[in-house]
């Protein structure tokens, strides 16, 4: 196959400012300007920022208020999640044209194992450039690709390949970064320790007390000291990563463990009918995602952040499991009835866990335990509910997610999740 550089197995592909670039693809007048995708209210959050905005200090997950303060000239664009999902699907088609061994990390990044594609497409570096060019030509978006012998190094390499923010401005990235096996340790050790998976604020504070700021520093700390400070599992894991020891493979498909949607309100909501409407809408979104994956959920959880910022969680199990919005909303409304929401609700969320594959005839058979008082949808039989859900799915598949919504939700616009950062 040639030298080791040609046969490096792992690629990490990361889209550059993904949400922003999808918006620019739709509206070219945004190109070259400072763009922030996210909510514009006082409680809004930045989902993505262009490099022009990042140059002023704007970052993802920052409050919109702070982002406006740092970059007053920025143009704020509300997020359109369904459009990003569709762009992600187009990007993944490029990945799968190269190899079936694709591990999706999020909408805008994935690991690829290309060792079985080398004979057909050439060296690992050639494949990386092919993917970058194909994504640009077919999808109209730019990406950065890291190539290495492990997932850890490939991830760090893709970051190194991205555009860089410097004091003098934004510098174009190299696009593809290859970490040769001979250069692995020097490349790894030059990175700050915060670049490692598992090093958050708490862990970093403990490592800093040990005199660690870079991965190279970490590699010099005795394992016994790391174990003493971080615990056996975490300390040993970081010690191995610091030596470049990462034996993880590409996971082709991860089992879905939970499906959830939530909504943050611009002002605290006290009215029961508004909360009920949101619950029905969120339940519909969760149920639709379950059905699209052929799954059911057996545990329904309600999350509420109240006006005083306290967080309340309530859960209930439902036996056989369900993928029907009427059943989900009825249970959630029952859970909410047990919480004092009189002072107002800032955030509401619904989460399904206990995820399992749906049986061929499964309709969510635990119908008798559902409270009928708060949901007119439950006047339908389970078979009728299922037929209705399938019909709704077909309409949305043909005409878009906003084509039809539950009448009881009082909504006639986009699905929850399509504006999840608003």
Protein backbone atom coordinates (compact mmCIF):
# COMPACT_ATOMS: atom_id res chain seq x y z
CA UNK A 1 0.00 0.00 0.00
CA UNK A 2 2.98 2.31 0.25
CA UNK A 3 4.30 4.18 3.27
CA UNK A 4 2.38 4.69 6.51
CA UNK A 5 1.24 8.18 5.54
CA UNK A 6 -0.82 6.78 2.68
CA UNK A 7 -2.61 4.23 4.88
CA UNK A 8 -3.64 6.32 7.88
CA UNK A 9 -7.09 4.92 8.74
CA UNK A 10 -9.03 7.76 10.39
CA UNK A 11 -10.52 10.95 9.03
CA UNK A 12 -12.40 13.55 11.04
CA UNK A 13 -14.53 15.88 8.94
CA UNK A 14 -15.82 19.08 10.56
CA UNK A 15 -17.89 21.68 8.74
CA UNK A 16 -16.70 25.28 9.04
CA UNK A 17 -19.26 27.54 10.82
CA UNK A 18 -21.94 25.12 9.63
CA UNK A 19 -25.19 26.93 10.52
CA UNK A 20 -23.78 30.25 9.30
CA UNK A 21 -22.63 28.83 5.98
CA UNK A 22 -25.98 27.12 5.38
CA UNK A 23 -27.64 30.51 5.90
CA UNK A 24 -25.15 32.13 3.52
CA UNK A 25 -25.85 29.44 0.94
CA UNK A 26 -29.49 30.47 1.13
CA UNK A 27 -28.75 34.22 1.24
CA UNK A 28 -25.44 35.11 -0.47
CA UNK A 29 -25.73 38.75 0.68
CA UNK A 30 -24.57 37.53 4.10
CA UNK A 31 -21.15 36.46 2.76
CA UNK A 32 -18.28 38.44 4.25
CA UNK A 33 -20.38 39.95 7.03
CA UNK A 34 -20.46 39.22 10.76
CA UNK A 35 -23.30 36.71 11.20
CA UNK A 36 -24.76 35.17 14.35
CA UNK A 37 -27.25 32.32 14.13
CA UNK A 38 -29.44 32.02 17.21
CA UNK A 39 -32.01 33.77 19.34
CA UNK A 40 -32.25 37.54 19.42
CA UNK A 41 -34.16 37.95 22.69
CA UNK A 42 -32.57 38.65 26.07
CA UNK A 43 -32.61 34.91 26.73
CA UNK A 44 -31.35 34.01 23.27
CA UNK A 45 -28.25 31.89 22.79
CA UNK A 46 -25.68 31.87 20.00
CA UNK A 47 -25.86 28.63 18.02
CA UNK A 48 -23.14 29.54 15.53
CA UNK A 49 -21.06 32.57 14.61
CA UNK A 50 -19.18 33.48 11.48
CA UNK A 51 -15.43 33.93 11.68
CA UNK A 52 -15.96 37.68 11.29
CA UNK A 53 -18.05 37.62 14.48
CA UNK A 54 -15.65 35.24 16.25
CA UNK A 55 -12.90 37.75 15.60
CA UNK A 56 -14.80 40.08 17.95
CA UNK A 57 -15.05 37.40 20.64
CA UNK A 58 -18.47 35.90 19.82
CA UNK A 59 -18.69 32.17 20.58
CA UNK A 60 -21.27 29.41 20.44
CA UNK A 61 -23.44 29.04 23.58
CA UNK A 62 -22.80 32.69 24.47
CA UNK A 63 -25.87 34.77 25.32
CA UNK A 64 -27.19 36.86 22.46
CA UNK A 65 -27.02 39.94 24.68
CA UNK A 66 -23.29 39.49 25.17
CA UNK A 67 -22.78 38.74 21.48
CA UNK A 68 -24.50 42.01 20.52
CA UNK A 69 -22.31 43.87 22.98
CA UNK A 70 -19.11 42.38 21.54
CA UNK A 71 -20.16 42.68 17.90
CA UNK A 72 -22.88 45.34 17.47
CA UNK A 73 -22.59 45.19 13.67
CA UNK A 74 -23.47 41.48 13.60
CA UNK A 75 -26.55 40.35 11.68
CA UNK A 76 -28.65 37.93 13.73
CA UNK A 77 -30.44 35.12 11.88
CA UNK A 78 -32.96 32.80 13.54
CA UNK A 79 -31.92 29.18 13.31
CA UNK A 80 -33.75 26.87 10.93
CA UNK A 81 -32.99 23.40 12.21
CA UNK A 82 -34.80 21.47 9.49
CA UNK A 83 -32.65 23.16 6.83
CA UNK A 84 -29.50 22.21 8.73
CA UNK A 85 -30.67 18.61 8.99
CA UNK A 86 -31.21 18.48 5.23
CA UNK A 87 -27.75 19.97 4.58
CA UNK A 88 -26.26 17.38 6.93
CA UNK A 89 -27.99 14.61 4.98
CA UNK A 90 -26.43 15.92 1.74
CA UNK A 91 -22.99 16.01 3.37
CA UNK A 92 -23.32 12.46 4.67
CA UNK A 93 -24.17 11.26 1.17
CA UNK A 94 -20.66 12.37 0.19
CA UNK A 95 -19.18 10.46 3.13
CA UNK A 96 -21.06 7.29 2.27
CA UNK A 97 -19.93 7.53 -1.34
CA UNK A 98 -16.42 6.86 0.00
CA UNK A 99 -16.98 4.39 2.84
CA UNK A 100 -19.82 2.82 4.85
CA UNK A 101 -17.75 3.22 8.01
CA UNK A 102 -19.07 6.62 9.13
CA UNK A 103 -19.62 7.64 12.74
CA UNK A 104 -21.84 10.71 12.96
CA UNK A 105 -20.93 12.90 15.94
CA UNK A 106 -23.34 15.74 15.18
CA UNK A 107 -24.97 17.38 12.17
CA UNK A 108 -21.67 18.94 11.15
CA UNK A 109 -18.98 16.44 12.04
CA UNK A 110 -18.17 12.76 11.61
CA UNK A 111 -15.37 10.22 11.83
CA UNK A 112 -14.62 8.02 8.83
CA UNK A 113 -12.59 4.81 8.67
CA UNK A 114 -11.14 4.78 5.15
CA UNK A 115 -8.74 1.84 5.31
CA UNK A 116 -11.04 -0.24 3.06
CA UNK A 117 -11.32 2.61 0.55
CA UNK A 118 -7.61 3.04 -0.08
CA UNK A 119 -7.39 0.62 -3.00
CA UNK A 120 -10.24 2.39 -4.81
CA UNK A 121 -9.54 6.05 -4.00
CA UNK A 122 -5.83 6.23 -3.23
CA UNK A 123 -4.04 7.51 -0.13
CA UNK A 124 -5.77 8.76 3.00
CA UNK A 125 -4.74 12.31 2.17
CA UNK A 126 -6.15 11.98 -1.35
CA UNK A 127 -9.44 10.76 0.10
CA UNK A 128 -9.51 13.72 2.50
CA UNK A 129 -9.11 16.20 -0.35
CA UNK A 130 -11.69 14.32 -2.42
CA UNK A 131 -14.24 14.62 0.41
CA UNK A 132 -13.48 18.32 0.93
CA UNK A 133 -13.85 19.07 -2.79
CA UNK A 134 -16.97 16.93 -3.23
CA UNK A 135 -18.72 18.56 -0.28
CA UNK A 136 -17.97 21.96 -1.74
CA UNK A 137 -19.02 21.07 -5.29
CA UNK A 138 -22.20 19.14 -4.43
CA UNK A 139 -23.40 20.86 -1.25
CA UNK A 140 -21.80 24.30 -1.53
CA UNK A 141 -20.27 24.20 1.95
CA UNK A 142 -16.70 24.13 3.20
CA UNK A 143 -15.19 21.65 5.64
CA UNK A 144 -11.88 20.83 7.30
CA UNK A 145 -10.48 17.32 7.42
CA UNK A 146 -7.99 15.74 9.80
CA UNK A 147 -6.12 12.55 8.88
CA UNK A 148 -4.34 10.41 11.46
CA UNK A 149 -3.80 6.97 12.96
CA UNK A 150 -6.34 7.52 15.79
CA UNK A 151 -9.62 9.33 16.35
CA UNK A 152 -8.03 11.64 18.93
CA UNK A 153 -5.33 12.83 16.55
CA UNK A 154 -7.73 13.08 13.59
CA UNK A 155 -10.01 15.34 15.64
CA UNK A 156 -7.13 17.60 16.67
CA UNK A 157 -5.90 17.64 13.07
CA UNK A 158 -9.26 18.83 11.71
CA UNK A 159 -9.15 21.73 14.19
CA UNK A 160 -5.65 22.58 12.98
CA UNK A 161 -6.94 22.58 9.40
CA UNK A 162 -9.64 25.17 10.10
CA UNK A 163 -9.42 28.93 9.51
CA UNK A 164 -7.51 30.56 12.35
CA UNK A 165 -8.38 33.73 14.24
CA UNK A 166 -5.32 35.89 14.88
CA UNK A 167 -4.70 39.43 16.06
CA UNK A 168 -4.34 40.52 12.44
CA UNK A 169 -7.58 38.88 11.33
CA UNK A 170 -8.90 35.56 10.05
CA UNK A 171 -6.35 33.41 8.26
CA UNK A 172 -7.50 30.82 5.74
CA UNK A 173 -7.12 27.26 6.95
CA UNK A 174 -5.08 24.59 5.22
CA UNK A 175 -8.24 22.55 4.64
CA UNK A 176 -6.64 19.16 5.24
CA UNK A 177 -4.14 18.34 7.97
CA UNK A 178 -2.27 15.02 7.97
CA UNK A 179 -0.52 13.87 11.14
CA UNK A 180 2.29 11.55 10.15
CA UNK A 181 3.05 8.74 12.57
CA UNK A 182 6.56 10.09 13.13
CA UNK A 183 5.11 13.45 14.19
CA UNK A 184 2.27 12.22 16.40
CA UNK A 185 3.77 12.87 19.84
CA UNK A 186 5.17 16.31 19.03
CA UNK A 187 1.84 17.32 17.45
CA UNK A 188 -0.18 15.99 20.37
CA UNK A 189 1.98 17.40 23.16
CA UNK A 190 1.93 20.93 21.72
CA UNK A 191 -1.83 21.21 22.32
CA UNK A 192 -3.36 22.74 25.45
CA UNK A 193 -4.67 20.09 27.82
CA UNK A 194 -8.21 21.50 27.41
CA UNK A 195 -8.15 20.03 23.88
CA UNK A 196 -8.51 16.53 25.31
CA UNK A 197 -11.89 14.85 25.64
CA UNK A 198 -12.91 14.76 29.27
CA UNK A 199 -11.05 17.89 30.38
CA UNK A 200 -13.74 20.32 31.44
CA UNK A 201 -13.51 23.24 33.84
CA UNK A 202 -13.36 21.11 37.01
CA UNK A 203 -10.78 18.68 35.65
CA UNK A 204 -8.71 21.52 34.23
CA UNK A 205 -8.59 23.24 37.63
CA UNK A 206 -7.26 20.04 39.21
CA UNK A 207 -4.69 19.56 36.45
CA UNK A 208 -3.63 23.20 36.72
CA UNK A 209 -2.91 22.62 40.42
CA UNK A 210 -0.50 19.88 39.28
CA UNK A 211 1.29 22.34 36.99
CA UNK A 212 -0.35 21.03 33.82
CA UNK A 213 -1.29 23.39 31.00
CA UNK A 214 -0.38 21.39 27.88
CA UNK A 215 -0.82 17.76 26.90
CA UNK A 216 2.96 17.53 27.00
CA UNK A 217 2.86 18.60 30.66
CA UNK A 218 0.21 15.97 31.32
CA UNK A 219 2.38 13.25 29.81
CA UNK A 220 5.04 13.98 32.43
CA UNK A 221 2.74 13.57 35.43
CA UNK A 222 2.93 10.13 37.10
CA UNK A 223 -0.21 8.07 36.62
CA UNK A 224 -0.43 7.64 40.39
CA UNK A 225 -0.73 11.42 40.82
CA UNK A 226 -3.45 11.66 38.21
CA UNK A 227 -5.36 8.79 39.80
CA UNK A 228 -5.05 10.41 43.21
CA UNK A 229 -6.39 13.72 41.91
CA UNK A 230 -8.97 12.56 39.34
CA UNK A 231 -9.91 9.02 40.32
CA UNK A 232 -8.84 5.71 38.84
CA UNK A 233 -10.91 5.69 35.64
CA UNK A 234 -10.52 9.35 34.67
CA UNK A 235 -6.88 9.63 35.69
CA UNK A 236 -5.87 6.49 33.81
CA UNK A 237 -7.85 7.51 30.75
CA UNK A 238 -6.19 10.93 30.50
CA UNK A 239 -2.76 9.43 31.08
CA UNK A 240 -3.30 7.11 28.13
CA UNK A 241 -4.53 9.92 25.86
CA UNK A 242 -1.51 12.05 26.77
CA UNK A 243 0.70 9.26 25.42
CA UNK A 244 -1.31 9.08 22.21
CA UNK A 245 -2.92 5.80 23.27
CA UNK A 246 -6.40 5.84 21.69
CA UNK A 247 -7.65 2.46 20.50
CA UNK A 248 -11.23 3.49 19.75
CA UNK A 249 -12.72 2.42 16.43
CA UNK A 250 -15.34 4.12 14.29
CA UNK A 251 -18.78 3.21 15.61
CA UNK A 252 -21.00 2.85 12.59
CA UNK A 253 -24.26 3.31 14.46
CA UNK A 254 -24.81 4.32 18.04
CA UNK A 255 -27.98 3.14 19.73
CA UNK A 256 -30.36 6.00 20.44
CA UNK A 257 -30.64 6.42 24.21
CA UNK A 258 -33.01 9.36 24.37
CA UNK A 259 -35.02 11.77 22.24
CA UNK A 260 -35.97 15.19 23.53
CA UNK A 261 -37.15 18.66 22.60
CA UNK A 262 -37.38 21.78 24.72
CA UNK A 263 -38.40 25.42 24.48
CA UNK A 264 -37.13 28.49 26.32
CA UNK A 265 -39.71 31.28 26.57
CA UNK A 266 -38.80 34.92 26.02
CA UNK A 267 -40.93 35.86 29.05
CA UNK A 268 -42.05 33.68 31.96
CA UNK A 269 -45.29 31.85 31.11
CA UNK A 270 -47.99 31.43 33.73
CA UNK A 271 -51.02 30.60 31.59
CA UNK A 272 -51.93 26.91 31.65
CA UNK A 273 -53.29 26.96 28.08
CA UNK A 274 -49.99 28.28 26.71
CA UNK A 275 -48.03 25.60 28.56
CA UNK A 276 -50.49 22.95 27.41
CA UNK A 277 -50.14 24.12 23.81
CA UNK A 278 -46.34 23.88 24.05
CA UNK A 279 -46.51 20.41 25.60
CA UNK A 280 -48.71 19.16 22.76
CA UNK A 281 -46.34 20.67 20.18
CA UNK A 282 -43.21 19.27 21.85
CA UNK A 283 -44.87 15.87 22.25
CA UNK A 284 -45.66 15.85 18.56
CA UNK A 285 -42.03 16.59 17.68
CA UNK A 286 -40.70 13.85 19.98
CA UNK A 287 -43.22 11.31 18.69
CA UNK A 288 -42.40 12.14 15.06
CA UNK A 289 -38.70 11.55 15.66
CA UNK A 290 -39.41 8.24 17.38
CA UNK A 291 -41.51 7.07 14.43
CA UNK A 292 -38.91 8.21 11.90
CA UNK A 293 -36.38 5.92 13.57
CA UNK A 294 -38.75 3.01 14.13
CA UNK A 295 -38.51 3.41 17.90
CA UNK A 296 -40.73 3.69 20.96
CA UNK A 297 -39.99 5.25 24.34
CA UNK A 298 -40.91 3.68 27.66
CA UNK A 299 -40.17 6.55 30.05
CA UNK A 300 -41.49 10.09 29.62
CA UNK A 301 -39.82 12.97 31.47
CA UNK A 302 -40.92 16.55 31.93
CA UNK A 303 -38.36 19.28 32.61
CA UNK A 304 -39.40 22.71 33.87
CA UNK A 305 -37.23 25.67 34.75
CA UNK A 306 -39.34 27.94 36.91
CA UNK A 307 -39.26 31.71 37.29
CA UNK A 308 -36.84 31.45 40.25
CA UNK A 309 -34.45 29.40 38.04
CA UNK A 310 -35.13 26.20 40.01
CA UNK A 311 -35.21 23.06 37.87
CA UNK A 312 -38.00 20.53 38.29
CA UNK A 313 -37.96 17.08 36.68
CA UNK A 314 -40.73 14.49 36.75
CA UNK A 315 -40.88 11.09 35.02
CA UNK A 316 -43.35 8.28 34.43
CA UNK A 317 -42.98 4.85 32.82
CA UNK A 318 -45.53 3.48 30.35
CA UNK A 319 -45.06 -0.26 30.01
CA UNK A 320 -44.95 -1.28 26.36
CA UNK A 321 -43.69 2.08 25.11
CA UNK A 322 -45.19 4.54 22.65
CA UNK A 323 -44.48 6.70 19.62
CA UNK A 324 -47.82 8.52 19.68
CA UNK A 325 -48.00 12.23 20.51
CA UNK A 326 -51.40 11.97 22.21
CA UNK A 327 -50.14 9.45 24.71
CA UNK A 328 -46.98 11.43 25.39
CA UNK A 329 -48.77 14.74 25.89
CA UNK A 330 -51.40 13.18 28.16
CA UNK A 331 -48.72 11.79 30.46
CA UNK A 332 -46.76 15.04 30.45
CA UNK A 333 -49.84 17.09 31.26
CA UNK A 334 -50.45 14.76 34.19
CA UNK A 335 -46.89 15.34 35.41
CA UNK A 336 -47.19 19.11 35.05
CA UNK A 337 -50.41 19.11 37.09
CA UNK A 338 -48.33 18.07 40.10
CA UNK A 339 -46.00 21.08 39.83
CA UNK A 340 -46.78 24.60 41.08
CA UNK A 341 -46.24 26.76 38.00
CA UNK A 342 -48.12 29.79 39.30
CA UNK A 343 -45.01 32.02 39.36
CA UNK A 344 -44.20 31.23 35.74
CA UNK A 345 -42.14 28.87 33.62
CA UNK A 346 -38.96 29.87 31.80
CA UNK A 347 -38.23 26.58 30.01
CA UNK A 348 -40.17 23.43 29.26
CA UNK A 349 -38.83 20.19 27.85
CA UNK A 350 -39.94 16.63 27.10
CA UNK A 351 -37.57 13.68 27.01
CA UNK A 352 -38.17 10.05 26.08
CA UNK A 353 -35.84 7.36 27.42
CA UNK A 354 -36.04 3.61 27.67
CA UNK A 355 -35.75 3.62 23.89
CA UNK A 356 -36.48 0.34 22.09
CA UNK A 357 -37.18 -0.82 18.56
CA UNK A 358 -40.86 -0.74 17.69
CA UNK A 359 -42.47 -4.11 17.13
CA UNK A 360 -44.26 -4.68 13.80
CA UNK A 361 -47.71 -4.27 15.35
CA UNK A 362 -46.83 -2.23 18.43
CA UNK A 363 -49.25 0.60 19.07
CA UNK A 364 -48.39 1.57 22.63
CA UNK A 365 -50.69 -0.88 24.39
CA UNK A 366 -50.73 0.70 27.84
CA UNK A 367 -53.74 2.80 26.81
CA UNK A 368 -55.88 2.15 29.87
CA UNK A 369 -53.46 3.98 32.16
CA UNK A 370 -53.66 7.25 30.25
CA UNK A 371 -55.65 10.17 31.60
CA UNK A 372 -58.25 11.19 29.01
CA UNK A 373 -59.26 14.44 30.68
CA UNK A 374 -56.62 16.72 29.19
CA UNK A 375 -56.27 15.46 25.63
CA UNK A 376 -59.03 15.23 23.07
CA UNK A 377 -56.64 13.22 20.92
CA UNK A 378 -57.18 10.24 23.21
CA UNK A 379 -60.82 10.01 22.13
CA UNK A 380 -59.44 8.19 19.10
CA UNK A 381 -58.67 4.50 19.38
CA UNK A 382 -55.02 3.50 19.34
CA UNK A 383 -55.36 2.15 15.83
CA UNK A 384 -56.90 5.42 14.67
CA UNK A 385 -54.14 7.41 16.39
CA UNK A 386 -51.52 5.30 14.66
CA UNK A 387 -53.14 5.74 11.24
CA UNK A 388 -53.37 9.49 11.84
CA UNK A 389 -49.70 9.66 12.84
CA UNK A 390 -48.61 7.78 9.72
CA UNK A 391 -50.71 10.12 7.55
CA UNK A 392 -49.15 13.17 9.21
CA UNK A 393 -45.66 11.76 8.67
CA UNK A 394 -46.38 11.27 4.96
CA UNK A 395 -47.68 14.84 4.59
CA UNK A 396 -44.59 16.26 6.27
CA UNK A 397 -42.27 14.08 4.21
CA UNK A 398 -43.80 15.49 1.03
CA UNK A 399 -44.54 19.10 1.95
CA UNK A 400 -42.17 19.88 4.83
CA UNK A 401 -42.29 19.84 8.61
CA UNK A 402 -44.36 23.01 8.86
CA UNK A 403 -47.14 21.67 6.59
CA UNK A 404 -49.21 20.28 9.44
CA UNK A 405 -49.25 20.63 13.22
CA UNK A 406 -51.51 19.37 16.02
CA UNK A 407 -54.65 21.49 16.12
CA UNK A 408 -54.67 21.47 19.92
CA UNK A 409 -51.24 23.06 19.96
CA UNK A 410 -52.60 26.25 18.44
CA UNK A 411 -49.51 26.45 16.22
CA UNK A 412 -49.34 26.97 12.50
CA UNK A 413 -45.63 27.36 12.08
CA UNK A 414 -42.45 25.32 12.29
CA UNK A 415 -41.89 22.29 14.46
CA UNK A 416 -40.12 22.41 17.82
CA UNK A 417 -36.45 21.75 17.21
CA UNK A 418 -36.42 23.82 14.05
CA UNK A 419 -35.85 26.90 16.25
CA UNK A 420 -34.28 25.19 19.21
CA UNK A 421 -31.83 28.05 19.83
CA UNK A 422 -34.40 30.80 19.52
